[in-house]
Amino acid sequence: MKTRKMPWFEFAPDTYEIDEFDCASIFLFVGTERALLLDTGIGIGDLKGLVEEITDKPYDVVLTHGHRDHTGGAGWFDTVYLNRKDYELYPFPPTVEQRRDYARMIRTREHKYYPYKEEVDIVEWPKIPERKPLEDGQVFDLGGRTLTFYECGGHTPGEMVVIDDKNRILFCGDACNNHLLFRLGPGEPGFISTEEAGENLERIWNMKDRYDIVMNSHHDYRAVGGPIAPTVMPNAIQCCKDLVAGTPHLMQIDNPLKLEGADPTITVASLDGISWVVFNPEGIHRV
């Protein structure tokens, strides 16, 4: 039997964070009529069964973007929403080995025991869900609360963020982790310039009269159930502007991914050493 031992927490009224064994954070929002599941992680264990233990409401499944650590569990649901811009760029489904490799990388990095078995809990999708397009400004009315999605291309071309009106929280997926990865160059699949990514992020920042805190989809940048630091988003925006202007503050830091064969240190743009932008010098300006 697949595990349902993913830790989960109700950190705000009717709002839950499911910790997929440090691989990703999955969020569940419950209204009076419906619920919404935000992302599906790498696809470890019985996420669907866990969701249906937490709520008996009918629910939609929405993916913030097309990377495997957010789409990996989608194959246990009939329908998912995803921005069309990510449809063809990323494998859907990601292979079992791609998903297991990611989980192994996290397990190696964290030096932890997790209560799952690869051969039981990370397996082939039973079906390919229908993908429905997720649009900028799309609203999901759950009854007593609404969730509004906005496009914020950068991490991927189709990255989406969502504002929860009930709790005044911005859920930013991977649009604004403590480090932003803009490593692609012109002509590479999925490329968005640092200039455009910064502008997209600033558009969301300018909606800050509608939210009080920001939560991302990887809790290694914050406490579980807690927000990222309030300086992360404005500092990231300023770093992008400085790169475009040719006046960045550059730092050499330990490579946070710690992948085998990767450079032990990387050069980043940062204002405070807490949050930073990883950039490709050829990919700074829009083309």
Protein backbone atom coordinates (compact mmCIF):
# COMPACT_ATOMS: atom_id res chain seq x y z
CA MET A 1 0.00 0.00 0.00
CA LYS A 2 1.28 3.47 -0.91
CA THR A 3 2.14 5.77 1.94
CA ARG A 4 0.00 8.63 3.18
CA LYS A 5 2.58 9.68 5.76
CA MET A 6 3.36 13.04 4.17
CA PRO A 7 3.26 15.58 7.03
CA TRP A 8 0.48 18.15 6.67
CA PHE A 9 -0.51 21.24 8.59
CA GLU A 10 -3.48 23.60 8.69
CA PHE A 11 -1.47 26.83 8.95
CA ALA A 12 -4.37 29.22 8.19
CA PRO A 13 -8.15 28.70 8.27
CA ASP A 14 -9.09 25.93 5.80
CA THR A 15 -5.63 26.13 4.22
CA TYR A 16 -3.16 23.25 4.38
CA GLU A 17 0.48 22.66 3.51
CA ILE A 18 1.39 19.08 2.61
CA ASP A 19 5.12 18.40 2.87
CA GLU A 20 6.09 15.85 0.23
CA PHE A 21 9.13 14.63 2.14
CA ASP A 22 11.08 17.84 1.42
CA CYS A 23 10.67 17.45 -2.36
CA ALA A 24 7.96 20.11 -2.64
CA SER A 25 5.18 21.80 -0.75
CA ILE A 26 1.64 21.10 -1.92
CA PHE A 27 -1.23 23.32 -0.81
CA LEU A 28 -4.91 22.55 -0.29
CA PHE A 29 -7.53 25.29 -0.03
CA VAL A 30 -11.03 24.41 1.20
CA GLY A 31 -14.12 26.56 0.71
CA THR A 32 -17.74 26.02 1.64
CA GLU A 33 -18.54 24.43 -1.74
CA ARG A 34 -15.28 23.23 -3.30
CA ALA A 35 -11.57 22.81 -2.68
CA LEU A 36 -8.45 23.37 -4.77
CA LEU A 37 -5.18 21.42 -4.73
CA LEU A 38 -2.14 23.47 -5.76
CA ASP A 39 0.56 21.26 -7.31
CA THR A 40 1.10 17.51 -6.97
CA GLY A 41 4.77 17.26 -6.02
CA ILE A 42 7.11 14.68 -7.51
CA GLY A 43 4.42 12.03 -7.04
CA ILE A 44 5.33 10.08 -3.90
CA GLY A 45 2.70 7.96 -2.19
CA ASP A 46 -1.06 8.37 -2.17
CA LEU A 47 -1.58 12.13 -2.43
CA LYS A 48 -5.14 11.71 -3.71
CA GLY A 49 -6.06 9.53 -0.74
CA LEU A 50 -4.53 12.02 1.69
CA VAL A 51 -6.40 14.95 0.14
CA GLU A 52 -9.65 13.03 0.44
CA GLU A 53 -8.91 12.33 4.10
CA ILE A 54 -8.58 16.07 4.72
CA THR A 55 -11.68 17.16 2.80
CA ASP A 56 -14.78 15.55 1.32
CA LYS A 57 -15.41 18.52 -1.00
CA PRO A 58 -15.06 18.17 -4.77
CA TYR A 59 -11.82 19.81 -5.87
CA ASP A 60 -9.81 21.11 -8.80
CA VAL A 61 -6.11 20.41 -9.30
CA VAL A 62 -3.97 23.33 -10.47
CA LEU A 63 -0.26 23.17 -11.38
CA THR A 64 1.85 26.29 -10.89
CA HIS A 65 4.22 25.23 -13.69
CA GLY A 66 5.42 22.26 -15.68
CA HIS A 67 8.45 21.03 -13.72
CA ARG A 68 8.43 17.41 -12.51
CA ASP A 69 8.49 18.32 -8.81
CA HIS A 70 5.10 20.00 -9.30
CA THR A 71 3.48 17.77 -11.95
CA GLY A 72 4.84 14.40 -10.81
CA GLY A 73 1.69 13.31 -8.97
CA ALA A 74 -0.78 14.53 -11.60
CA GLY A 75 -1.46 11.06 -13.01
CA TRP A 76 -3.77 10.13 -10.15
CA PHE A 77 -6.26 12.86 -11.05
CA ASP A 78 -8.64 13.12 -14.01
CA THR A 79 -8.03 16.77 -14.89
CA VAL A 80 -5.38 19.38 -14.10
CA TYR A 81 -5.04 23.06 -14.96
CA LEU A 82 -1.70 24.30 -16.37
CA ASN A 83 -0.59 27.35 -18.33
CA ARG A 84 -0.40 26.42 -22.04
CA LYS A 85 3.10 27.94 -22.28
CA ASP A 86 4.45 24.97 -20.29
CA TYR A 87 2.56 22.26 -22.20
CA GLU A 88 5.26 21.28 -24.69
CA LEU A 89 8.39 22.30 -22.80
CA TYR A 90 8.40 19.67 -20.06
CA PRO A 91 7.65 15.91 -20.05
CA PHE A 92 4.05 15.08 -19.20
CA PRO A 93 4.27 12.61 -17.65
CA PRO A 94 7.80 12.85 -16.31
CA THR A 95 9.33 9.38 -16.31
CA VAL A 96 9.46 7.27 -13.18
CA GLU A 97 13.26 7.47 -13.25
CA GLN A 98 13.20 11.29 -13.50
CA ARG A 99 10.93 11.40 -10.47
CA ARG A 100 12.99 8.89 -8.49
CA ASP A 101 16.20 10.76 -9.36
CA TYR A 102 14.74 13.96 -7.93
CA ALA A 103 13.63 12.22 -4.74
CA ARG A 104 17.09 10.64 -4.36
CA MET A 105 18.73 14.04 -4.79
CA ILE A 106 16.60 15.46 -1.96
CA ARG A 107 17.24 12.44 0.26
CA THR A 108 21.00 12.76 -0.31
CA ARG A 109 20.99 16.49 0.31
CA GLU A 110 18.92 16.32 3.49
CA HIS A 111 20.51 13.16 5.01
CA LYS A 112 17.11 12.06 6.32
CA TYR A 113 15.01 8.93 6.53
CA TYR A 114 11.64 9.23 4.78
CA PRO A 115 8.82 6.70 5.27
CA TYR A 116 8.37 5.61 1.67
CA LYS A 117 9.76 3.01 -0.71
CA GLU A 118 10.68 4.01 -4.25
CA GLU A 119 9.42 0.81 -5.84
CA VAL A 120 6.01 1.16 -4.13
CA ASP A 121 5.53 4.92 -3.84
CA ILE A 122 7.11 6.38 -7.00
CA VAL A 123 5.52 4.46 -9.85
CA GLU A 124 4.03 4.90 -13.31
CA TRP A 125 0.98 7.10 -13.69
CA PRO A 126 -2.22 5.07 -13.93
CA LYS A 127 -3.58 7.57 -16.48
CA ILE A 128 -2.75 10.77 -18.34
CA PRO A 129 -4.99 13.53 -16.99
CA GLU A 130 -6.72 16.00 -19.25
CA ARG A 131 -4.91 19.34 -19.22
CA LYS A 132 -7.06 22.45 -19.14
CA PRO A 133 -5.52 25.85 -19.84
CA LEU A 134 -4.83 28.09 -16.86
CA GLU A 135 -5.18 31.76 -17.80
CA ASP A 136 -3.88 35.02 -16.37
CA GLY A 137 -6.57 36.43 -14.07
CA GLN A 138 -8.48 33.14 -13.81
CA VAL A 139 -10.60 32.94 -10.65
CA PHE A 140 -11.65 29.80 -8.79
CA ASP A 141 -14.63 30.40 -6.49
CA LEU A 142 -14.59 27.79 -3.74
CA GLY A 143 -17.53 29.23 -1.82
CA GLY A 144 -16.70 31.86 0.79
CA ARG A 145 -13.26 32.43 -0.75
CA THR A 146 -11.72 32.99 -4.15
CA LEU A 147 -8.30 32.17 -5.56
CA THR A 148 -7.03 34.33 -8.43
CA PHE A 149 -4.16 33.15 -10.65
CA TYR A 150 -1.68 35.38 -12.45
CA GLU A 151 1.03 34.61 -14.97
CA CYS A 152 4.57 35.34 -13.77
CA GLY A 153 6.93 33.91 -16.37
CA GLY A 154 10.57 33.55 -15.39
CA HIS A 155 11.23 30.27 -13.61
CA THR A 156 9.31 28.78 -16.55
CA PRO A 157 7.47 30.65 -19.31
CA GLY A 158 4.12 29.55 -17.88
CA GLU A 159 4.82 30.01 -14.15
CA MET A 160 1.65 31.00 -12.29
CA VAL A 161 1.10 32.55 -8.86
CA VAL A 162 -2.14 32.75 -6.88
CA ILE A 163 -3.63 35.20 -4.40
CA ASP A 164 -5.83 33.75 -1.64
CA ASP A 165 -8.32 36.49 -0.78
CA LYS A 166 -9.49 34.80 2.44
CA ASN A 167 -6.09 34.76 4.13
CA ARG A 168 -4.38 37.53 2.11
CA ILE A 169 -1.52 35.26 1.08
CA LEU A 170 0.37 35.18 -2.21
CA PHE A 171 1.39 31.64 -3.17
CA CYS A 172 4.16 32.08 -5.71
CA GLY A 173 5.09 28.52 -6.70
CA ASP A 174 8.72 28.75 -7.80
CA ALA A 175 8.39 32.29 -9.17
CA CYS A 176 10.24 33.66 -6.13
CA ASN A 177 12.27 31.26 -4.06
CA ASN A 178 15.22 32.65 -2.12
CA HIS A 179 17.21 32.02 -5.25
CA LEU A 180 15.90 32.68 -8.75
CA LEU A 181 17.37 30.53 -11.50
CA PHE A 182 17.62 32.32 -14.85
CA ARG A 183 20.30 30.10 -16.39
CA LEU A 184 18.98 29.75 -19.94
CA GLY A 185 20.16 31.78 -22.91
CA PRO A 186 18.46 32.99 -26.10
CA GLY A 187 17.30 30.14 -28.31
CA GLU A 188 17.12 27.57 -25.52
CA PRO A 189 13.67 26.03 -24.87
CA GLY A 190 11.91 27.85 -22.05
CA PHE A 191 14.13 30.95 -22.20
CA ILE A 192 12.85 34.17 -20.66
CA SER A 193 15.28 37.05 -20.19
CA THR A 194 16.18 38.26 -16.72
CA GLU A 195 14.76 41.63 -17.77
CA GLU A 196 11.33 40.20 -18.58
CA ALA A 197 11.31 37.92 -15.53
CA GLY A 198 12.02 40.88 -13.26
CA GLU A 199 9.22 42.89 -14.85
CA ASN A 200 6.80 40.00 -14.41
CA LEU A 201 7.75 39.65 -10.76
CA GLU A 202 7.36 43.40 -10.23
CA ARG A 203 3.82 43.24 -11.63
CA ILE A 204 2.91 40.75 -8.91
CA TRP A 205 4.73 42.79 -6.24
CA ASN A 206 2.62 45.79 -7.24
CA MET A 207 -0.48 43.83 -6.20
CA LYS A 208 0.77 43.80 -2.58
CA ASP A 209 -2.27 45.73 -1.34
CA ARG A 210 -4.07 42.37 -1.82
CA TYR A 211 -1.73 40.16 0.23
CA ASP A 212 0.28 40.42 3.43
CA ILE A 213 2.73 37.52 3.13
CA VAL A 214 4.31 35.35 0.44
CA MET A 215 4.68 31.56 0.50
CA ASN A 216 6.62 29.56 -2.05
CA SER A 217 6.50 25.89 -2.96
CA HIS A 218 9.70 24.70 -1.26
CA HIS A 219 9.77 25.05 2.51
CA ASP A 220 13.55 24.72 2.72
CA TYR A 221 13.49 28.50 2.19
CA ARG A 222 11.15 29.12 5.14
CA ALA A 223 9.44 27.43 8.07
CA VAL A 224 6.69 24.94 7.20
CA GLY A 225 3.45 26.91 7.29
CA GLY A 226 5.36 30.19 7.34
CA PRO A 227 6.21 32.87 4.77
CA ILE A 228 9.45 33.68 3.02
CA ALA A 229 11.27 36.74 4.35
CA PRO A 230 9.56 40.01 3.34
CA THR A 231 12.74 41.22 1.63
CA VAL A 232 13.03 38.30 -0.79
CA MET A 233 10.71 39.52 -3.54
CA PRO A 234 11.70 43.22 -3.61
CA ASN A 235 15.39 42.30 -3.46
CA ALA A 236 14.99 39.84 -6.33
CA ILE A 237 13.29 42.52 -8.42
CA GLN A 238 16.08 45.00 -7.67
CA CYS A 239 18.75 42.43 -8.54
CA CYS A 240 17.10 41.92 -11.93
CA LYS A 241 17.04 45.68 -12.51
CA ASP A 242 20.70 45.99 -11.52
CA LEU A 243 21.68 43.20 -13.91
CA VAL A 244 19.85 44.94 -16.74
CA ALA A 245 21.54 48.25 -15.87
CA GLY A 246 24.96 46.60 -15.71
CA THR A 247 25.43 47.49 -12.03
CA PRO A 248 24.83 44.22 -10.13
CA HIS A 249 26.33 43.42 -6.75
CA LEU A 250 27.96 40.05 -7.42
CA MET A 251 28.82 37.40 -4.83
CA GLN A 252 30.47 33.98 -4.92
CA ILE A 253 28.42 31.47 -2.91
CA ASP A 254 28.34 27.74 -2.27
CA ASN A 255 26.22 26.01 -4.88
CA PRO A 256 22.92 25.41 -3.02
CA LEU A 257 21.91 22.43 -5.17
CA LYS A 258 25.01 20.41 -4.21
CA LEU A 259 24.54 18.11 -7.21
CA GLU A 260 27.21 15.56 -8.08
CA GLY A 261 29.56 17.01 -10.68
CA ALA A 262 28.25 20.56 -10.26
CA ASP A 263 30.56 23.50 -9.58
CA PRO A 264 30.99 23.87 -5.81
CA THR A 265 30.50 27.64 -6.01
CA ILE A 266 28.50 29.93 -8.29
CA THR A 267 28.42 33.66 -9.02
CA VAL A 268 25.11 35.34 -8.23
CA ALA A 269 23.58 38.79 -8.01
CA SER A 270 22.52 39.54 -4.43
CA LEU A 271 21.84 42.52 -2.19
CA ASP A 272 21.97 40.73 1.16
CA GLY A 273 23.41 37.24 0.73
CA ILE A 274 20.04 35.79 1.76
CA SER A 275 18.29 35.90 -1.60
CA TRP A 276 20.00 35.95 -4.98
CA VAL A 277 19.60 35.64 -8.74
CA VAL A 278 21.50 33.02 -10.74
CA PHE A 279 21.88 34.46 -14.24
CA ASN A 280 23.26 33.76 -17.70
CA PRO A 281 25.22 36.79 -18.96
CA GLU A 282 23.84 36.11 -22.45
CA GLY A 283 20.26 36.02 -21.17
CA ILE A 284 19.93 39.27 -19.24
CA HIS A 285 18.31 41.49 -21.87
CA ARG A 286 15.09 40.84 -23.78
CA VAL A 287 15.56 39.79 -27.37
